[in-house]
Amino acid sequence: MIQTQVLREGPPRLTGWGSARAPALSLTSEKISAGLAQRLAGYALRLLAESGFAEVVPTWNRVVYTMDANEKPSERSYNVKYTNLAGGYIEVTGILTHNGWPHVAHGLAIGMD
């Protein structure tokens, strides 16, 4: 089973100095369909295989998510994040879809939670 999340961006927050901070994200009750989540995860795994990471991520936790809750599902950008037990992650970011099928991604992000 693949965990999915649809996040919504809140209004920009102001600091005490008058500058804006990144808007907060909040989890919505909306879900990504199981079929789309499976296609996105498969696409991400193929990209990771092409980058030499396929042997490490299959046992990691994975989450398919979008931060574009304000957009129609067909216009959203999706991410697939693989996280290991130590909190390290490899993420395929900015996956765009066409007729419900992934067709391009913006790249990889690697880091620690």
PDB file of N, CA and C in Angstrom:
ATOM      1  N   MET A   1       0.841  -1.189   0.000  1.00  0.00           N
ATOM      2  CA  MET A   1       0.000   0.000   0.000  1.00  0.00           C
ATOM      3  C   MET A   1       0.883   1.248   0.000  1.00  0.00           C
ATOM      4  N   ILE A   2       0.466   2.205  -0.756  1.00  0.00           N
ATOM      5  CA  ILE A   2       1.200   3.462  -0.864  1.00  0.00           C
ATOM      6  C   ILE A   2       0.436   4.539  -0.112  1.00  0.00           C
ATOM      7  N   GLN A   3       1.108   5.222   0.776  1.00  0.00           N
ATOM      8  CA  GLN A   3       0.491   6.336   1.490  1.00  0.00           C
ATOM      9  C   GLN A   3       0.413   7.529   0.538  1.00  0.00           C
ATOM     10  N   THR A   4      -0.696   8.268   0.570  1.00  0.00           N
ATOM     11  CA  THR A   4      -0.829   9.471  -0.256  1.00  0.00           C
ATOM     12  C   THR A   4      -1.219  10.658   0.610  1.00  0.00           C
ATOM     13  N   GLN A   5      -0.823  11.835   0.163  1.00  0.00           N
ATOM     14  CA  GLN A   5      -1.157  13.073   0.866  1.00  0.00           C
ATOM     15  C   GLN A   5      -1.431  14.168  -0.148  1.00  0.00           C
ATOM     16  N   VAL A   6      -2.451  14.966   0.123  1.00  0.00           N
ATOM     17  CA  VAL A   6      -2.735  16.155  -0.662  1.00  0.00           C
ATOM     18  C   VAL A   6      -2.641  17.330   0.305  1.00  0.00           C
ATOM     19  N   LEU A   7      -1.681  18.198   0.066  1.00  0.00           N
ATOM     20  CA  LEU A   7      -1.420  19.335   0.951  1.00  0.00           C
ATOM     21  C   LEU A   7      -1.875  20.628   0.290  1.00  0.00           C
ATOM     22  N   ARG A   8      -2.308  21.566   1.119  1.00  0.00           N
ATOM     23  CA  ARG A   8      -2.743  22.880   0.656  1.00  0.00           C
ATOM     24  C   ARG A   8      -1.829  23.938   1.257  1.00  0.00           C
ATOM     25  N   GLU A   9      -1.443  24.867   0.405  1.00  0.00           N
ATOM     26  CA  GLU A   9      -0.599  25.972   0.841  1.00  0.00           C
ATOM     27  C   GLU A   9      -1.477  27.051   1.467  1.00  0.00           C
ATOM     28  N   GLY A  10      -1.080  27.507   2.642  1.00  0.00           N
ATOM     29  CA  GLY A  10      -1.814  28.578   3.311  1.00  0.00           C
ATOM     30  C   GLY A  10      -1.324  29.943   2.850  1.00  0.00           C
ATOM     31  N   PRO A  11      -1.868  31.002   3.417  1.00  0.00           N
ATOM     32  CA  PRO A  11      -1.419  32.352   3.048  1.00  0.00           C
ATOM     33  C   PRO A  11       0.009  32.592   3.547  1.00  0.00           C
ATOM     34  N   PRO A  12       0.744  33.480   2.874  1.00  0.00           N
ATOM     35  CA  PRO A  12       2.096  33.804   3.349  1.00  0.00           C
ATOM     36  C   PRO A  12       2.047  34.345   4.767  1.00  0.00           C
ATOM     37  N   ARG A  13       3.062  34.021   5.543  1.00  0.00           N
ATOM     38  CA  ARG A  13       3.142  34.501   6.923  1.00  0.00           C
ATOM     39  C   ARG A  13       4.177  35.618   6.981  1.00  0.00           C
ATOM     40  N   LEU A  14       3.875  36.626   7.754  1.00  0.00           N
ATOM     41  CA  LEU A  14       4.812  37.734   7.898  1.00  0.00           C
ATOM     42  C   LEU A  14       5.631  37.568   9.166  1.00  0.00           C
ATOM     43  N   THR A  15       6.887  37.915   9.081  1.00  0.00           N
ATOM     44  CA  THR A  15       7.737  37.921  10.265  1.00  0.00           C
ATOM     45  C   THR A  15       7.520  39.242  10.985  1.00  0.00           C
ATOM     46  N   GLY A  16       8.086  39.376  12.135  1.00  0.00           N
ATOM     47  CA  GLY A  16       7.979  40.622  12.885  1.00  0.00           C
ATOM     48  C   GLY A  16       8.722  41.768  12.206  1.00  0.00           C
ATOM     49  N   TRP A  17       9.468  41.457  11.179  1.00  0.00           N
ATOM     50  CA  TRP A  17      10.279  42.470  10.500  1.00  0.00           C
ATOM     51  C   TRP A  17       9.672  42.899   9.176  1.00  0.00           C
ATOM     52  N   GLY A  18       8.465  42.383   8.887  1.00  0.00           N
ATOM     53  CA  GLY A  18       7.782  42.796   7.669  1.00  0.00           C
ATOM     54  C   GLY A  18       8.090  41.957   6.445  1.00  0.00           C
ATOM     55  N   SER A  19       8.955  40.962   6.561  1.00  0.00           N
ATOM     56  CA  SER A  19       9.238  40.113   5.404  1.00  0.00           C
ATOM     57  C   SER A  19       8.356  38.866   5.466  1.00  0.00           C
ATOM     58  N   ALA A  20       8.150  38.265   4.322  1.00  0.00           N
ATOM     59  CA  ALA A  20       7.278  37.092   4.246  1.00  0.00           C
ATOM     60  C   ALA A  20       8.077  35.808   4.446  1.00  0.00           C
ATOM     61  N   ARG A  21       7.463  34.870   5.154  1.00  0.00           N
ATOM     62  CA  ARG A  21       8.035  33.533   5.309  1.00  0.00           C
ATOM     63  C   ARG A  21       7.255  32.594   4.409  1.00  0.00           C
ATOM     64  N   ALA A  22       7.810  31.437   4.161  1.00  0.00           N
ATOM     65  CA  ALA A  22       7.122  30.454   3.330  1.00  0.00           C
ATOM     66  C   ALA A  22       5.765  30.124   3.931  1.00  0.00           C
ATOM     67  N   PRO A  23       4.761  29.973   3.081  1.00  0.00           N
ATOM     68  CA  PRO A  23       3.440  29.637   3.603  1.00  0.00           C
ATOM     69  C   PRO A  23       3.431  28.252   4.240  1.00  0.00           C
ATOM     70  N   ALA A  24       2.590  28.081   5.220  1.00  0.00           N
ATOM     71  CA  ALA A  24       2.458  26.786   5.885  1.00  0.00           C
ATOM     72  C   ALA A  24       1.644  25.849   4.997  1.00  0.00           C
ATOM     73  N   LEU A  25       1.959  24.568   5.082  1.00  0.00           N
ATOM     74  CA  LEU A  25       1.207  23.553   4.355  1.00  0.00           C
ATOM     75  C   LEU A  25       0.295  22.833   5.331  1.00  0.00           C
ATOM     76  N   SER A  26      -0.912  22.533   4.887  1.00  0.00           N
ATOM     77  CA  SER A  26      -1.820  21.769   5.734  1.00  0.00           C
ATOM     78  C   SER A  26      -2.347  20.577   4.943  1.00  0.00           C
ATOM     79  N   LEU A  27      -2.523  19.475   5.640  1.00  0.00           N
ATOM     80  CA  LEU A  27      -3.012  18.242   5.049  1.00  0.00           C
ATOM     81  C   LEU A  27      -4.518  18.359   4.834  1.00  0.00           C
ATOM     82  N   THR A  28      -4.975  17.961   3.656  1.00  0.00           N
ATOM     83  CA  THR A  28      -6.404  17.982   3.365  1.00  0.00           C
ATOM     84  C   THR A  28      -6.962  16.565   3.530  1.00  0.00           C
ATOM     85  N   SER A  29      -8.265  16.441   3.448  1.00  0.00           N
ATOM     86  CA  SER A  29      -8.894  15.121   3.528  1.00  0.00           C
ATOM     87  C   SER A  29      -8.895  14.420   2.172  1.00  0.00           C
ATOM     88  N   GLU A  30      -8.525  15.131   1.135  1.00  0.00           N
ATOM     89  CA  GLU A  30      -8.495  14.568  -0.214  1.00  0.00           C
ATOM     90  C   GLU A  30      -7.404  13.504  -0.327  1.00  0.00           C
ATOM     91  N   LYS A  31      -7.622  12.523  -1.168  1.00  0.00           N
ATOM     92  CA  LYS A  31      -6.645  11.459  -1.393  1.00  0.00           C
ATOM     93  C   LYS A  31      -6.299  11.386  -2.879  1.00  0.00           C
ATOM     94  N   ILE A  32      -5.138  10.860  -3.177  1.00  0.00           N
ATOM     95  CA  ILE A  32      -4.732  10.554  -4.544  1.00  0.00           C
ATOM     96  C   ILE A  32      -5.233   9.143  -4.823  1.00  0.00           C
ATOM     97  N   SER A  33      -5.833   8.932  -5.969  1.00  0.00           N
ATOM     98  CA  SER A  33      -6.400   7.614  -6.270  1.00  0.00           C
ATOM     99  C   SER A  33      -5.312   6.540  -6.240  1.00  0.00           C
ATOM    100  N   ALA A  34      -5.717   5.322  -5.882  1.00  0.00           N
ATOM    101  CA  ALA A  34      -4.769   4.212  -5.787  1.00  0.00           C
ATOM    102  C   ALA A  34      -4.087   3.949  -7.125  1.00  0.00           C
ATOM    103  N   GLY A  35      -4.832   4.039  -8.224  1.00  0.00           N
ATOM    104  CA  GLY A  35      -4.251   3.806  -9.543  1.00  0.00           C
ATOM    105  C   GLY A  35      -3.201   4.839  -9.900  1.00  0.00           C
ATOM    106  N   LEU A  36      -3.505   6.117  -9.662  1.00  0.00           N
ATOM    107  CA  LEU A  36      -2.538   7.174  -9.960  1.00  0.00           C
ATOM    108  C   LEU A  36      -1.324   7.046  -9.052  1.00  0.00           C
ATOM    109  N   ALA A  37      -1.539   6.768  -7.787  1.00  0.00           N
ATOM    110  CA  ALA A  37      -0.416   6.607  -6.861  1.00  0.00           C
ATOM    111  C   ALA A  37       0.496   5.475  -7.321  1.00  0.00           C
ATOM    112  N   GLN A  38      -0.081   4.378  -7.776  1.00  0.00           N
ATOM    113  CA  GLN A  38       0.714   3.240  -8.260  1.00  0.00           C
ATOM    114  C   GLN A  38       1.509   3.627  -9.505  1.00  0.00           C
ATOM    115  N   ARG A  39       0.887   4.344 -10.434  1.00  0.00           N
ATOM    116  CA  ARG A  39       1.601   4.774 -11.651  1.00  0.00           C
ATOM    117  C   ARG A  39       2.730   5.744 -11.312  1.00  0.00           C
ATOM    118  N   LEU A  40       2.475   6.674 -10.393  1.00  0.00           N
ATOM    119  CA  LEU A  40       3.510   7.632  -9.993  1.00  0.00           C
ATOM    120  C   LEU A  40       4.669   6.926  -9.303  1.00  0.00           C
ATOM    121  N   ALA A  41       4.367   5.985  -8.421  1.00  0.00           N
ATOM    122  CA  ALA A  41       5.426   5.253  -7.719  1.00  0.00           C
ATOM    123  C   ALA A  41       6.245   4.410  -8.695  1.00  0.00           C
ATOM    124  N   GLY A  42       5.594   3.778  -9.656  1.00  0.00           N
ATOM    125  CA  GLY A  42       6.315   2.993 -10.663  1.00  0.00           C
ATOM    126  C   GLY A  42       7.206   3.867 -11.522  1.00  0.00           C
ATOM    127  N   TYR A  43       6.701   5.025 -11.919  1.00  0.00           N
ATOM    128  CA  TYR A  43       7.483   5.974 -12.711  1.00  0.00           C
ATOM    129  C   TYR A  43       8.701   6.450 -11.919  1.00  0.00           C
ATOM    130  N   ALA A  44       8.488   6.784 -10.654  1.00  0.00           N
ATOM    131  CA  ALA A  44       9.587   7.244  -9.807  1.00  0.00           C
ATOM    132  C   ALA A  44      10.640   6.150  -9.650  1.00  0.00           C
ATOM    133  N   LEU A  45      10.210   4.914  -9.464  1.00  0.00           N
ATOM    134  CA  LEU A  45      11.162   3.815  -9.301  1.00  0.00           C
ATOM    135  C   LEU A  45      11.985   3.610 -10.576  1.00  0.00           C
ATOM    136  N   ARG A  46      11.353   3.770 -11.741  1.00  0.00           N
ATOM    137  CA  ARG A  46      12.116   3.672 -13.007  1.00  0.00           C
ATOM    138  C   ARG A  46      13.174   4.770 -13.098  1.00  0.00           C
ATOM    139  N   LEU A  47      12.805   5.997 -12.705  1.00  0.00           N
ATOM    140  CA  LEU A  47      13.787   7.088 -12.730  1.00  0.00           C
ATOM    141  C   LEU A  47      14.929   6.832 -11.748  1.00  0.00           C
ATOM    142  N   LEU A  48      14.584   6.308 -10.572  1.00  0.00           N
ATOM    143  CA  LEU A  48      15.615   5.995  -9.585  1.00  0.00           C
ATOM    144  C   LEU A  48      16.518   4.866 -10.085  1.00  0.00           C
ATOM    145  N   ALA A  49      15.956   3.906 -10.795  1.00  0.00           N
ATOM    146  CA  ALA A  49      16.762   2.822 -11.366  1.00  0.00           C
ATOM    147  C   ALA A  49      17.747   3.383 -12.384  1.00  0.00           C
ATOM    148  N   GLU A  50      17.295   4.307 -13.207  1.00  0.00           N
ATOM    149  CA  GLU A  50      18.176   4.938 -14.193  1.00  0.00           C
ATOM    150  C   GLU A  50      19.292   5.732 -13.519  1.00  0.00           C
ATOM    151  N   SER A  51      19.057   6.173 -12.286  1.00  0.00           N
ATOM    152  CA  SER A  51      20.055   6.947 -11.536  1.00  0.00           C
ATOM    153  C   SER A  51      20.902   6.076 -10.611  1.00  0.00           C
ATOM    154  N   GLY A  52      20.678   4.766 -10.622  1.00  0.00           N
ATOM    155  CA  GLY A  52      21.477   3.855  -9.819  1.00  0.00           C
ATOM    156  C   GLY A  52      20.986   3.632  -8.401  1.00  0.00           C
ATOM    157  N   PHE A  53      19.763   4.048  -8.089  1.00  0.00           N
ATOM    158  CA  PHE A  53      19.236   3.920  -6.726  1.00  0.00           C
ATOM    159  C   PHE A  53      18.236   2.781  -6.551  1.00  0.00           C
ATOM    160  N   ALA A  54      17.933   2.031  -7.581  1.00  0.00           N
ATOM    161  CA  ALA A  54      16.853   1.037  -7.527  1.00  0.00           C
ATOM    162  C   ALA A  54      17.095  -0.045  -6.487  1.00  0.00           C
ATOM    163  N   GLU A  55      18.333  -0.340  -6.176  1.00  0.00           N
ATOM    164  CA  GLU A  55      18.613  -1.427  -5.243  1.00  0.00           C
ATOM    165  C   GLU A  55      18.414  -1.037  -3.787  1.00  0.00           C
ATOM    166  N   VAL A  56      18.347   0.243  -3.488  1.00  0.00           N
ATOM    167  CA  VAL A  56      18.216   0.643  -2.086  1.00  0.00           C
ATOM    168  C   VAL A  56      16.805   1.023  -1.672  1.00  0.00           C
ATOM    169  N   VAL A  57      15.999   1.572  -2.556  1.00  0.00           N
ATOM    170  CA  VAL A  57      14.720   2.137  -2.132  1.00  0.00           C
ATOM    171  C   VAL A  57      13.525   1.187  -2.057  1.00  0.00           C
ATOM    172  N   PRO A  58      13.517   0.012  -2.692  1.00  0.00           N
ATOM    173  CA  PRO A  58      12.291  -0.797  -2.656  1.00  0.00           C
ATOM    174  C   PRO A  58      11.804  -1.179  -1.255  1.00  0.00           C
ATOM    175  N   THR A  59      12.670  -1.256  -0.272  1.00  0.00           N
ATOM    176  CA  THR A  59      12.245  -1.623   1.082  1.00  0.00           C
ATOM    177  C   THR A  59      11.924  -0.399   1.947  1.00  0.00           C
ATOM    178  N   TRP A  60      12.136   0.789   1.429  1.00  0.00           N
ATOM    179  CA  TRP A  60      11.891   2.016   2.185  1.00  0.00           C
ATOM    180  C   TRP A  60      10.397   2.370   2.156  1.00  0.00           C
ATOM    181  N   ASN A  61       9.958   3.148   3.151  1.00  0.00           N
ATOM    182  CA  ASN A  61       8.593   3.678   3.157  1.00  0.00           C
ATOM    183  C   ASN A  61       8.444   4.645   1.997  1.00  0.00           C
ATOM    184  N   ARG A  62       7.282   4.668   1.379  1.00  0.00           N
ATOM    185  CA  ARG A  62       7.073   5.608   0.273  1.00  0.00           C
ATOM    186  C   ARG A  62       5.762   6.354   0.449  1.00  0.00           C
ATOM    187  N   VAL A  63       5.813   7.611   0.059  1.00  0.00           N
ATOM    188  CA  VAL A  63       4.647   8.486   0.121  1.00  0.00           C
ATOM    189  C   VAL A  63       4.549   9.206  -1.215  1.00  0.00           C
ATOM    190  N   VAL A  64       3.370   9.193  -1.794  1.00  0.00           N
ATOM    191  CA  VAL A  64       3.085   9.975  -2.987  1.00  0.00           C
ATOM    192  C   VAL A  64       2.292  11.177  -2.513  1.00  0.00           C
ATOM    193  N   TYR A  65       2.764  12.380  -2.845  1.00  0.00           N
ATOM    194  CA  TYR A  65       2.056  13.567  -2.365  1.00  0.00           C
ATOM    195  C   TYR A  65       2.106  14.703  -3.369  1.00  0.00           C
ATOM    196  N   THR A  66       1.221  15.652  -3.160  1.00  0.00           N
ATOM    197  CA  THR A  66       1.198  16.887  -3.924  1.00  0.00           C
ATOM    198  C   THR A  66       0.962  18.040  -2.957  1.00  0.00           C
ATOM    199  N   MET A  67       1.491  19.176  -3.298  1.00  0.00           N
ATOM    200  CA  MET A  67       1.257  20.389  -2.506  1.00  0.00           C
ATOM    201  C   MET A  67       0.341  21.343  -3.262  1.00  0.00           C
ATOM    202  N   ASP A  68      -0.315  20.814  -4.294  1.00  0.00           N
ATOM    203  CA  ASP A  68      -1.131  21.626  -5.193  1.00  0.00           C
ATOM    204  C   ASP A  68      -2.625  21.383  -5.019  1.00  0.00           C
ATOM    205  N   ALA A  69      -3.111  21.315  -3.797  1.00  0.00           N
ATOM    206  CA  ALA A  69      -4.532  21.043  -3.555  1.00  0.00           C
ATOM    207  C   ALA A  69      -5.433  22.092  -4.196  1.00  0.00           C
ATOM    208  N   ASN A  70      -4.922  23.279  -4.423  1.00  0.00           N
ATOM    209  CA  ASN A  70      -5.727  24.348  -5.021  1.00  0.00           C
ATOM    210  C   ASN A  70      -5.903  24.171  -6.526  1.00  0.00           C
ATOM    211  N   GLU A  71      -5.151  23.247  -7.128  1.00  0.00           N
ATOM    212  CA  GLU A  71      -5.220  22.994  -8.568  1.00  0.00           C
ATOM    213  C   GLU A  71      -6.114  21.793  -8.857  1.00  0.00           C
ATOM    214  N   LYS A  72      -6.584  21.682 -10.095  1.00  0.00           N
ATOM    215  CA  LYS A  72      -7.310  20.494 -10.516  1.00  0.00           C
ATOM    216  C   LYS A  72      -6.313  19.329 -10.534  1.00  0.00           C
ATOM    217  N   PRO A  73      -6.757  18.104 -10.233  1.00  0.00           N
ATOM    218  CA  PRO A  73      -5.829  16.965 -10.216  1.00  0.00           C
ATOM    219  C   PRO A  73      -4.991  16.827 -11.489  1.00  0.00           C
ATOM    220  N   SER A  74      -5.563  17.142 -12.641  1.00  0.00           N
ATOM    221  CA  SER A  74      -4.817  17.019 -13.903  1.00  0.00           C
ATOM    222  C   SER A  74      -3.723  18.072 -14.056  1.00  0.00           C
ATOM    223  N   GLU A  75      -3.767  19.120 -13.235  1.00  0.00           N
ATOM    224  CA  GLU A  75      -2.781  20.204 -13.334  1.00  0.00           C
ATOM    225  C   GLU A  75      -1.790  20.204 -12.172  1.00  0.00           C
ATOM    226  N   ARG A  76      -1.851  19.182 -11.335  1.00  0.00           N
ATOM    227  CA  ARG A  76      -0.975  19.121 -10.165  1.00  0.00           C
ATOM    228  C   ARG A  76       0.396  18.556 -10.515  1.00  0.00           C
ATOM    229  N   SER A  77       1.344  18.908  -9.692  1.00  0.00           N
ATOM    230  CA  SER A  77       2.689  18.346  -9.720  1.00  0.00           C
ATOM    231  C   SER A  77       2.782  17.392  -8.529  1.00  0.00           C
ATOM    232  N   TYR A  78       3.316  16.198  -8.762  1.00  0.00           N
ATOM    233  CA  TYR A  78       3.368  15.172  -7.718  1.00  0.00           C
ATOM    234  C   TYR A  78       4.809  14.857  -7.340  1.00  0.00           C
ATOM    235  N   ASN A  79       4.981  14.314  -6.142  1.00  0.00           N
ATOM    236  CA  ASN A  79       6.294  13.898  -5.643  1.00  0.00           C
ATOM    237  C   ASN A  79       6.166  12.492  -5.069  1.00  0.00           C
ATOM    238  N   VAL A  80       7.224  11.703  -5.205  1.00  0.00           N
ATOM    239  CA  VAL A  80       7.268  10.379  -4.601  1.00  0.00           C
ATOM    240  C   VAL A  80       8.501  10.355  -3.717  1.00  0.00           C
ATOM    241  N   LYS A  81       8.285  10.158  -2.422  1.00  0.00           N
ATOM    242  CA  LYS A  81       9.361  10.228  -1.436  1.00  0.00           C
ATOM    243  C   LYS A  81       9.578   8.859  -0.801  1.00  0.00           C
ATOM    244  N   TYR A  82      10.793   8.361  -0.892  1.00  0.00           N
ATOM    245  CA  TYR A  82      11.213   7.105  -0.264  1.00  0.00           C
ATOM    246  C   TYR A  82      12.050   7.464   0.950  1.00  0.00           C
ATOM    247  N   THR A  83      11.655   6.980   2.145  1.00  0.00           N
ATOM    248  CA  THR A  83      12.347   7.318   3.386  1.00  0.00           C
ATOM    249  C   THR A  83      12.807   6.044   4.084  1.00  0.00           C
ATOM    250  N   ASN A  84      14.093   6.028   4.522  1.00  0.00           N
ATOM    251  CA  ASN A  84      14.607   4.855   5.238  1.00  0.00           C
ATOM    252  C   ASN A  84      14.390   5.018   6.744  1.00  0.00           C
ATOM    253  N   LEU A  85      14.732   3.984   7.493  1.00  0.00           N
ATOM    254  CA  LEU A  85      14.494   3.994   8.944  1.00  0.00           C
ATOM    255  C   LEU A  85      15.269   5.081   9.680  1.00  0.00           C
ATOM    256  N   ALA A  86      16.409   5.498   9.144  1.00  0.00           N
ATOM    257  CA  ALA A  86      17.211   6.531   9.787  1.00  0.00           C
ATOM    258  C   ALA A  86      16.716   7.941   9.468  1.00  0.00           C
ATOM    259  N   GLY A  87      15.703   8.058   8.599  1.00  0.00           N
ATOM    260  CA  GLY A  87      15.173   9.374   8.254  1.00  0.00           C
ATOM    261  C   GLY A  87      15.750   9.962   6.985  1.00  0.00           C
ATOM    262  N   GLY A  88      16.662   9.251   6.340  1.00  0.00           N
ATOM    263  CA  GLY A  88      17.186   9.716   5.060  1.00  0.00           C
ATOM    264  C   GLY A  88      16.163   9.467   3.966  1.00  0.00           C
ATOM    265  N   TYR A  89      16.154  10.334   2.960  1.00  0.00           N
ATOM    266  CA  TYR A  89      15.174  10.141   1.888  1.00  0.00           C
ATOM    267  C   TYR A  89      15.773  10.451   0.526  1.00  0.00           C
ATOM    268  N   ILE A  90      15.165   9.825  -0.460  1.00  0.00           N
ATOM    269  CA  ILE A  90      15.381  10.137  -1.874  1.00  0.00           C
ATOM    270  C   ILE A  90      13.998  10.388  -2.436  1.00  0.00           C
ATOM    271  N   GLU A  91      13.855  11.500  -3.117  1.00  0.00           N
ATOM    272  CA  GLU A  91      12.532  11.909  -3.583  1.00  0.00           C
ATOM    273  C   GLU A  91      12.599  12.276  -5.071  1.00  0.00           C
ATOM    274  N   VAL A  92      11.640  11.797  -5.838  1.00  0.00           N
ATOM    275  CA  VAL A  92      11.466  12.235  -7.222  1.00  0.00           C
ATOM    276  C   VAL A  92      10.452  13.370  -7.161  1.00  0.00           C
ATOM    277  N   THR A  93      10.852  14.545  -7.645  1.00  0.00           N
ATOM    278  CA  THR A  93      10.031  15.744  -7.467  1.00  0.00           C
ATOM    279  C   THR A  93       9.444  16.247  -8.779  1.00  0.00           C
ATOM    280  N   GLY A  94       8.339  16.941  -8.650  1.00  0.00           N
ATOM    281  CA  GLY A  94       7.742  17.648  -9.780  1.00  0.00           C
ATOM    282  C   GLY A  94       7.295  16.751 -10.913  1.00  0.00           C
ATOM    283  N   ILE A  95       6.648  15.641 -10.592  1.00  0.00           N
ATOM    284  CA  ILE A  95       6.181  14.742 -11.639  1.00  0.00           C
ATOM    285  C   ILE A  95       4.877  15.297 -12.213  1.00  0.00           C
ATOM    286  N   LEU A  96       4.859  15.498 -13.512  1.00  0.00           N
ATOM    287  CA  LEU A  96       3.664  15.970 -14.194  1.00  0.00           C
ATOM    288  C   LEU A  96       2.984  14.794 -14.880  1.00  0.00           C
ATOM    289  N   THR A  97       1.665  14.883 -15.010  1.00  0.00           N
ATOM    290  CA  THR A  97       0.913  13.804 -15.645  1.00  0.00           C
ATOM    291  C   THR A  97       0.215  14.312 -16.894  1.00  0.00           C
ATOM    292  N   HIS A  98      -0.096  13.380 -17.776  1.00  0.00           N
ATOM    293  CA  HIS A  98      -0.888  13.658 -18.970  1.00  0.00           C
ATOM    294  C   HIS A  98      -1.910  12.537 -19.077  1.00  0.00           C
ATOM    295  N   ASN A  99      -3.183  12.870 -19.012  1.00  0.00           N
ATOM    296  CA  ASN A  99      -4.260  11.874 -19.008  1.00  0.00           C
ATOM    297  C   ASN A  99      -4.059  10.823 -17.917  1.00  0.00           C
ATOM    298  N   GLY A 100      -3.558  11.251 -16.753  1.00  0.00           N
ATOM    299  CA  GLY A 100      -3.391  10.354 -15.617  1.00  0.00           C
ATOM    300  C   GLY A 100      -2.119   9.522 -15.636  1.00  0.00           C
ATOM    301  N   TRP A 101      -1.249   9.769 -16.605  1.00  0.00           N
ATOM    302  CA  TRP A 101       0.005   9.007 -16.697  1.00  0.00           C
ATOM    303  C   TRP A 101       1.195   9.937 -16.524  1.00  0.00           C
ATOM    304  N   PRO A 102       2.138   9.572 -15.654  1.00  0.00           N
ATOM    305  CA  PRO A 102       3.339  10.394 -15.465  1.00  0.00           C
ATOM    306  C   PRO A 102       4.145  10.461 -16.757  1.00  0.00           C
ATOM    307  N   HIS A 103       4.668  11.650 -17.053  1.00  0.00           N
ATOM    308  CA  HIS A 103       5.450  11.746 -18.288  1.00  0.00           C
ATOM    309  C   HIS A 103       6.719  12.586 -18.166  1.00  0.00           C
ATOM    310  N   VAL A 104       6.878  13.343 -17.109  1.00  0.00           N
ATOM    311  CA  VAL A 104       8.115  14.110 -16.932  1.00  0.00           C
ATOM    312  C   VAL A 104       8.261  14.431 -15.447  1.00  0.00           C
ATOM    313  N   ALA A 105       9.512  14.491 -14.982  1.00  0.00           N
ATOM    314  CA  ALA A 105       9.792  14.862 -13.588  1.00  0.00           C
ATOM    315  C   ALA A 105      10.857  15.940 -13.585  1.00  0.00           C
ATOM    316  N   HIS A 106      10.874  16.744 -12.543  1.00  0.00           N
ATOM    317  CA  HIS A 106      11.844  17.823 -12.447  1.00  0.00           C
ATOM    318  C   HIS A 106      13.181  17.394 -11.882  1.00  0.00           C
ATOM    319  N   GLY A 107      13.248  16.288 -11.141  1.00  0.00           N
ATOM    320  CA  GLY A 107      14.536  15.841 -10.624  1.00  0.00           C
ATOM    321  C   GLY A 107      14.435  15.075  -9.336  1.00  0.00           C
ATOM    322  N   LEU A 108      15.589  14.954  -8.681  1.00  0.00           N
ATOM    323  CA  LEU A 108      15.690  14.210  -7.429  1.00  0.00           C
ATOM    324  C   LEU A 108      16.065  15.149  -6.299  1.00  0.00           C
ATOM    325  N   ALA A 109      15.591  14.810  -5.108  1.00  0.00           N
ATOM    326  CA  ALA A 109      16.000  15.509  -3.887  1.00  0.00           C
ATOM    327  C   ALA A 109      16.470  14.433  -2.912  1.00  0.00           C
ATOM    328  N   ILE A 110      17.562  14.680  -2.248  1.00  0.00           N
ATOM    329  CA  ILE A 110      18.116  13.744  -1.286  1.00  0.00           C
ATOM    330  C   ILE A 110      18.364  14.518   0.003  1.00  0.00           C
ATOM    331  N   GLY A 111      17.955  13.947   1.142  1.00  0.00           N
ATOM    332  CA  GLY A 111      18.150  14.671   2.400  1.00  0.00           C
ATOM    333  C   GLY A 111      17.791  13.840   3.611  1.00  0.00           C
ATOM    334  N   MET A 112      17.590  14.523   4.728  1.00  0.00           N
ATOM    335  CA  MET A 112      17.224  13.910   6.011  1.00  0.00           C
ATOM    336  C   MET A 112      15.975  14.595   6.544  1.00  0.00           C
ATOM    337  N   ASP A 113      15.078  13.801   7.118  1.00  0.00           N
ATOM    338  CA  ASP A 113      13.891  14.362   7.784  1.00  0.00           C
ATOM    339  C   ASP A 113      14.213  14.673   9.214  1.00  0.00           C
TER     340      ASP A 113
END
